[in-house]
Amino acid sequence: MGRFGLQEVLLILLLVLVLFGGKKIPELMRGLGSGIKEFKDATKDKKQEESDSHKDKNETDSKT
């Protein structure tokens, strides 16, 4: 499998347009965008929780 060229990308976009119609595509993209945003927020929150727990553990270890 090689890289996608311009022709392949245009073919895929044309198929999406035919399958979903022009009116449905903005809704799909909006939903995709909000899903990506939620995923980024969740990973950001998880990283923050991990760094907080590491800080708490380090503070506890330094006190003893």
PDB file of N, CA and C in Angstrom:
ATOM      1  N   MET A   1       0.849  -1.176   0.000  1.00  0.00           N
ATOM      2  CA  MET A   1       0.000   0.000   0.000  1.00  0.00           C
ATOM      3  C   MET A   1       0.896   1.242   0.000  1.00  0.00           C
ATOM      4  N   GLY A   2       0.692   2.063  -0.980  1.00  0.00           N
ATOM      5  CA  GLY A   2       1.461   3.289  -1.073  1.00  0.00           C
ATOM      6  C   GLY A   2       0.713   4.452  -0.468  1.00  0.00           C
ATOM      7  N   ARG A   3       1.232   5.589  -0.729  1.00  0.00           N
ATOM      8  CA  ARG A   3       0.588   6.807  -0.235  1.00  0.00           C
ATOM      9  C   ARG A   3      -0.656   7.115  -1.058  1.00  0.00           C
ATOM     10  N   PHE A   4      -1.541   7.881  -0.459  1.00  0.00           N
ATOM     11  CA  PHE A   4      -2.715   8.328  -1.195  1.00  0.00           C
ATOM     12  C   PHE A   4      -2.315   9.509  -2.064  1.00  0.00           C
ATOM     13  N   GLY A   5      -2.698   9.460  -3.302  1.00  0.00           N
ATOM     14  CA  GLY A   5      -2.459  10.575  -4.208  1.00  0.00           C
ATOM     15  C   GLY A   5      -3.679  11.468  -4.283  1.00  0.00           C
ATOM     16  N   LEU A   6      -3.586  12.476  -5.103  1.00  0.00           N
ATOM     17  CA  LEU A   6      -4.688  13.421  -5.259  1.00  0.00           C
ATOM     18  C   LEU A   6      -5.923  12.740  -5.841  1.00  0.00           C
ATOM     19  N   GLN A   7      -5.723  11.851  -6.790  1.00  0.00           N
ATOM     20  CA  GLN A   7      -6.850  11.163  -7.410  1.00  0.00           C
ATOM     21  C   GLN A   7      -7.600  10.288  -6.408  1.00  0.00           C
ATOM     22  N   GLU A   8      -6.872   9.606  -5.545  1.00  0.00           N
ATOM     23  CA  GLU A   8      -7.523   8.745  -4.555  1.00  0.00           C
ATOM     24  C   GLU A   8      -8.329   9.566  -3.553  1.00  0.00           C
ATOM     25  N   VAL A   9      -7.752  10.687  -3.108  1.00  0.00           N
ATOM     26  CA  VAL A   9      -8.445  11.548  -2.147  1.00  0.00           C
ATOM     27  C   VAL A   9      -9.709  12.117  -2.763  1.00  0.00           C
ATOM     28  N   LEU A  10      -9.619  12.574  -4.003  1.00  0.00           N
ATOM     29  CA  LEU A  10     -10.804  13.112  -4.686  1.00  0.00           C
ATOM     30  C   LEU A  10     -11.874  12.041  -4.871  1.00  0.00           C
ATOM     31  N   LEU A  11     -11.472  10.822  -5.189  1.00  0.00           N
ATOM     32  CA  LEU A  11     -12.422   9.727  -5.333  1.00  0.00           C
ATOM     33  C   LEU A  11     -13.131   9.430  -4.015  1.00  0.00           C
ATOM     34  N   ILE A  12     -12.391   9.416  -2.939  1.00  0.00           N
ATOM     35  CA  ILE A  12     -12.986   9.168  -1.621  1.00  0.00           C
ATOM     36  C   ILE A  12     -13.965  10.288  -1.263  1.00  0.00           C
ATOM     37  N   LEU A  13     -13.572  11.536  -1.492  1.00  0.00           N
ATOM     38  CA  LEU A  13     -14.462  12.667  -1.206  1.00  0.00           C
ATOM     39  C   LEU A  13     -15.726  12.612  -2.049  1.00  0.00           C
ATOM     40  N   LEU A  14     -15.590  12.231  -3.296  1.00  0.00           N
ATOM     41  CA  LEU A  14     -16.754  12.096  -4.172  1.00  0.00           C
ATOM     42  C   LEU A  14     -17.689  11.002  -3.672  1.00  0.00           C
ATOM     43  N   LEU A  15     -17.128   9.873  -3.251  1.00  0.00           N
ATOM     44  CA  LEU A  15     -17.954   8.784  -2.717  1.00  0.00           C
ATOM     45  C   LEU A  15     -18.691   9.208  -1.444  1.00  0.00           C
ATOM     46  N   VAL A  16     -18.002   9.945  -0.575  1.00  0.00           N
ATOM     47  CA  VAL A  16     -18.638  10.426   0.652  1.00  0.00           C
ATOM     48  C   VAL A  16     -19.782  11.372   0.303  1.00  0.00           C
ATOM     49  N   LEU A  17     -19.548  12.245  -0.653  1.00  0.00           N
ATOM     50  CA  LEU A  17     -20.583  13.189  -1.073  1.00  0.00           C
ATOM     51  C   LEU A  17     -21.797  12.468  -1.649  1.00  0.00           C
ATOM     52  N   VAL A  18     -21.559  11.445  -2.446  1.00  0.00           N
ATOM     53  CA  VAL A  18     -22.663  10.692  -3.043  1.00  0.00           C
ATOM     54  C   VAL A  18     -23.423   9.895  -1.982  1.00  0.00           C
ATOM     55  N   LEU A  19     -22.683   9.275  -1.062  1.00  0.00           N
ATOM     56  CA  LEU A  19     -23.326   8.425  -0.053  1.00  0.00           C
ATOM     57  C   LEU A  19     -24.136   9.234   0.966  1.00  0.00           C
ATOM     58  N   PHE A  20     -23.589  10.354   1.426  1.00  0.00           N
ATOM     59  CA  PHE A  20     -24.227  11.086   2.511  1.00  0.00           C
ATOM     60  C   PHE A  20     -24.985  12.324   2.056  1.00  0.00           C
ATOM     61  N   GLY A  21     -24.686  12.846   0.890  1.00  0.00           N
ATOM     62  CA  GLY A  21     -25.352  14.045   0.427  1.00  0.00           C
ATOM     63  C   GLY A  21     -24.705  15.296   0.991  1.00  0.00           C
ATOM     64  N   GLY A  22     -24.894  16.384   0.307  1.00  0.00           N
ATOM     65  CA  GLY A  22     -24.263  17.645   0.693  1.00  0.00           C
ATOM     66  C   GLY A  22     -24.769  18.218   1.993  1.00  0.00           C
ATOM     67  N   LYS A  23     -26.011  17.957   2.344  1.00  0.00           N
ATOM     68  CA  LYS A  23     -26.581  18.532   3.569  1.00  0.00           C
ATOM     69  C   LYS A  23     -26.146  17.777   4.821  1.00  0.00           C
ATOM     70  N   LYS A  24     -25.834  16.522   4.687  1.00  0.00           N
ATOM     71  CA  LYS A  24     -25.493  15.700   5.847  1.00  0.00           C
ATOM     72  C   LYS A  24     -24.017  15.823   6.242  1.00  0.00           C
ATOM     73  N   ILE A  25     -23.157  16.180   5.295  1.00  0.00           N
ATOM     74  CA  ILE A  25     -21.716  16.230   5.553  1.00  0.00           C
ATOM     75  C   ILE A  25     -21.346  17.227   6.653  1.00  0.00           C
ATOM     76  N   PRO A  26     -21.898  18.463   6.672  1.00  0.00           N
ATOM     77  CA  PRO A  26     -21.541  19.368   7.777  1.00  0.00           C
ATOM     78  C   PRO A  26     -21.904  18.806   9.155  1.00  0.00           C
ATOM     79  N   GLU A  27     -23.019  18.099   9.244  1.00  0.00           N
ATOM     80  CA  GLU A  27     -23.399  17.480  10.512  1.00  0.00           C
ATOM     81  C   GLU A  27     -22.392  16.408  10.914  1.00  0.00           C
ATOM     82  N   LEU A  28     -21.967  15.612   9.942  1.00  0.00           N
ATOM     83  CA  LEU A  28     -20.985  14.571  10.222  1.00  0.00           C
ATOM     84  C   LEU A  28     -19.660  15.168  10.678  1.00  0.00           C
ATOM     85  N   MET A  29     -19.215  16.221  10.021  1.00  0.00           N
ATOM     86  CA  MET A  29     -17.946  16.863  10.385  1.00  0.00           C
ATOM     87  C   MET A  29     -18.040  17.523  11.755  1.00  0.00           C
ATOM     88  N   ARG A  30     -19.198  18.112  12.057  1.00  0.00           N
ATOM     89  CA  ARG A  30     -19.404  18.731  13.372  1.00  0.00           C
ATOM     90  C   ARG A  30     -19.335  17.668  14.465  1.00  0.00           C
ATOM     91  N   GLY A  31     -19.977  16.532  14.213  1.00  0.00           N
ATOM     92  CA  GLY A  31     -19.933  15.437  15.174  1.00  0.00           C
ATOM     93  C   GLY A  31     -18.536  14.872  15.334  1.00  0.00           C
ATOM     94  N   LEU A  32     -17.820  14.753  14.228  1.00  0.00           N
ATOM     95  CA  LEU A  32     -16.443  14.269  14.283  1.00  0.00           C
ATOM     96  C   LEU A  32     -15.567  15.241  15.059  1.00  0.00           C
ATOM     97  N   GLY A  33     -15.741  16.527  14.815  1.00  0.00           N
ATOM     98  CA  GLY A  33     -14.957  17.542  15.516  1.00  0.00           C
ATOM     99  C   GLY A  33     -15.221  17.539  17.011  1.00  0.00           C
ATOM    100  N   SER A  34     -16.476  17.411  17.396  1.00  0.00           N
ATOM    101  CA  SER A  34     -16.787  17.388  18.830  1.00  0.00           C
ATOM    102  C   SER A  34     -16.278  16.107  19.476  1.00  0.00           C
ATOM    103  N   GLY A  35     -16.289  15.008  18.740  1.00  0.00           N
ATOM    104  CA  GLY A  35     -15.737  13.764  19.270  1.00  0.00           C
ATOM    105  C   GLY A  35     -14.244  13.862  19.493  1.00  0.00           C
ATOM    106  N   ILE A  36     -13.541  14.474  18.555  1.00  0.00           N
ATOM    107  CA  ILE A  36     -12.097  14.663  18.705  1.00  0.00           C
ATOM    108  C   ILE A  36     -11.802  15.585  19.876  1.00  0.00           C
ATOM    109  N   LYS A  37     -12.599  16.635  20.021  1.00  0.00           N
ATOM    110  CA  LYS A  37     -12.403  17.577  21.132  1.00  0.00           C
ATOM    111  C   LYS A  37     -12.601  16.877  22.478  1.00  0.00           C
ATOM    112  N   GLU A  38     -13.642  16.062  22.589  1.00  0.00           N
ATOM    113  CA  GLU A  38     -13.886  15.322  23.826  1.00  0.00           C
ATOM    114  C   GLU A  38     -12.747  14.356  24.123  1.00  0.00           C
ATOM    115  N   PHE A  39     -12.223  13.708  23.090  1.00  0.00           N
ATOM    116  CA  PHE A  39     -11.112  12.785  23.274  1.00  0.00           C
ATOM    117  C   PHE A  39      -9.870  13.521  23.774  1.00  0.00           C
ATOM    118  N   LYS A  40      -9.576  14.673  23.177  1.00  0.00           N
ATOM    119  CA  LYS A  40      -8.419  15.456  23.616  1.00  0.00           C
ATOM    120  C   LYS A  40      -8.590  15.918  25.059  1.00  0.00           C
ATOM    121  N   ASP A  41      -9.801  16.377  25.408  1.00  0.00           N
ATOM    122  CA  ASP A  41     -10.058  16.815  26.779  1.00  0.00           C
ATOM    123  C   ASP A  41      -9.886  15.669  27.764  1.00  0.00           C
ATOM    124  N   ALA A  42     -10.355  14.476  27.389  1.00  0.00           N
ATOM    125  CA  ALA A  42     -10.245  13.324  28.279  1.00  0.00           C
ATOM    126  C   ALA A  42      -8.788  12.926  28.472  1.00  0.00           C
ATOM    127  N   THR A  43      -8.001  12.937  27.409  1.00  0.00           N
ATOM    128  CA  THR A  43      -6.586  12.580  27.551  1.00  0.00           C
ATOM    129  C   THR A  43      -5.849  13.648  28.341  1.00  0.00           C
ATOM    130  N   LYS A  44      -6.227  14.908  28.160  1.00  0.00           N
ATOM    131  CA  LYS A  44      -5.609  15.996  28.920  1.00  0.00           C
ATOM    132  C   LYS A  44      -5.916  15.843  30.414  1.00  0.00           C
ATOM    133  N   ASP A  45      -7.180  15.529  30.727  1.00  0.00           N
ATOM    134  CA  ASP A  45      -7.573  15.316  32.124  1.00  0.00           C
ATOM    135  C   ASP A  45      -6.827  14.133  32.731  1.00  0.00           C
ATOM    136  N   LYS A  46      -6.678  13.055  31.963  1.00  0.00           N
ATOM    137  CA  LYS A  46      -5.982  11.864  32.458  1.00  0.00           C
ATOM    138  C   LYS A  46      -4.520  12.183  32.742  1.00  0.00           C
ATOM    139  N   LYS A  47      -3.871  12.915  31.849  1.00  0.00           N
ATOM    140  CA  LYS A  47      -2.475  13.294  32.067  1.00  0.00           C
ATOM    141  C   LYS A  47      -2.345  14.181  33.294  1.00  0.00           C
ATOM    142  N   GLN A  48      -3.313  15.087  33.483  1.00  0.00           N
ATOM    143  CA  GLN A  48      -3.285  15.971  34.650  1.00  0.00           C
ATOM    144  C   GLN A  48      -3.438  15.168  35.930  1.00  0.00           C
ATOM    145  N   GLU A  49      -4.341  14.193  35.929  1.00  0.00           N
ATOM    146  CA  GLU A  49      -4.529  13.348  37.108  1.00  0.00           C
ATOM    147  C   GLU A  49      -3.256  12.564  37.424  1.00  0.00           C
ATOM    148  N   GLU A  50      -2.603  12.038  36.390  1.00  0.00           N
ATOM    149  CA  GLU A  50      -1.367  11.278  36.599  1.00  0.00           C
ATOM    150  C   GLU A  50      -0.270  12.160  37.169  1.00  0.00           C
ATOM    151  N   SER A  51      -0.125  13.379  36.638  1.00  0.00           N
ATOM    152  CA  SER A  51       0.926  14.262  37.146  1.00  0.00           C
ATOM    153  C   SER A  51       0.611  14.690  38.576  1.00  0.00           C
ATOM    154  N   ASP A  52      -0.672  14.900  38.896  1.00  0.00           N
ATOM    155  CA  ASP A  52      -1.051  15.253  40.262  1.00  0.00           C
ATOM    156  C   ASP A  52      -0.760  14.106  41.223  1.00  0.00           C
ATOM    157  N   SER A  53      -1.039  12.876  40.794  1.00  0.00           N
ATOM    158  CA  SER A  53      -0.797  11.740  41.678  1.00  0.00           C
ATOM    159  C   SER A  53       0.702  11.526  41.884  1.00  0.00           C
ATOM    160  N   HIS A  54       1.507  11.794  40.855  1.00  0.00           N
ATOM    161  CA  HIS A  54       2.954  11.680  41.005  1.00  0.00           C
ATOM    162  C   HIS A  54       3.482  12.745  41.954  1.00  0.00           C
ATOM    163  N   LYS A  55       2.942  13.968  41.869  1.00  0.00           N
ATOM    164  CA  LYS A  55       3.356  15.036  42.774  1.00  0.00           C
ATOM    165  C   LYS A  55       2.984  14.691  44.209  1.00  0.00           C
ATOM    166  N   ASP A  56       1.753  14.181  44.405  1.00  0.00           N
ATOM    167  CA  ASP A  56       1.311  13.804  45.747  1.00  0.00           C
ATOM    168  C   ASP A  56       2.188  12.704  46.318  1.00  0.00           C
ATOM    169  N   LYS A  57       2.537  11.736  45.493  1.00  0.00           N
ATOM    170  CA  LYS A  57       3.370  10.627  45.949  1.00  0.00           C
ATOM    171  C   LYS A  57       4.758  11.125  46.306  1.00  0.00           C
ATOM    172  N   ASN A  58       5.314  12.002  45.503  1.00  0.00           N
ATOM    173  CA  ASN A  58       6.640  12.541  45.773  1.00  0.00           C
ATOM    174  C   ASN A  58       6.643  13.374  47.051  1.00  0.00           C
ATOM    175  N   GLU A  59       5.588  14.143  47.285  1.00  0.00           N
ATOM    176  CA  GLU A  59       5.493  14.938  48.507  1.00  0.00           C
ATOM    177  C   GLU A  59       5.377  14.029  49.721  1.00  0.00           C
ATOM    178  N   THR A  60       4.611  12.955  49.613  1.00  0.00           N
ATOM    179  CA  THR A  60       4.456  12.005  50.716  1.00  0.00           C
ATOM    180  C   THR A  60       5.784  11.314  51.001  1.00  0.00           C
ATOM    181  N   ASP A  61       6.494  10.918  49.952  1.00  0.00           N
ATOM    182  CA  ASP A  61       7.788  10.248  50.132  1.00  0.00           C
ATOM    183  C   ASP A  61       8.822  11.183  50.757  1.00  0.00           C
ATOM    184  N   SER A  62       8.801  12.456  50.422  1.00  0.00           N
ATOM    185  CA  SER A  62       9.792  13.390  50.945  1.00  0.00           C
ATOM    186  C   SER A  62       9.511  13.744  52.405  1.00  0.00           C
ATOM    187  N   LYS A  63       8.272  13.588  52.858  1.00  0.00           N
ATOM    188  CA  LYS A  63       7.924  13.894  54.240  1.00  0.00           C
ATOM    189  C   LYS A  63       8.384  12.788  55.184  1.00  0.00           C
ATOM    190  N   THR A  64       8.495  11.568  54.694  1.00  0.00           N
ATOM    191  CA  THR A  64       8.883  10.464  55.574  1.00  0.00           C
ATOM    192  C   THR A  64      10.359  10.241  55.615  1.00  0.00           C
TER     193      THR A  64
END
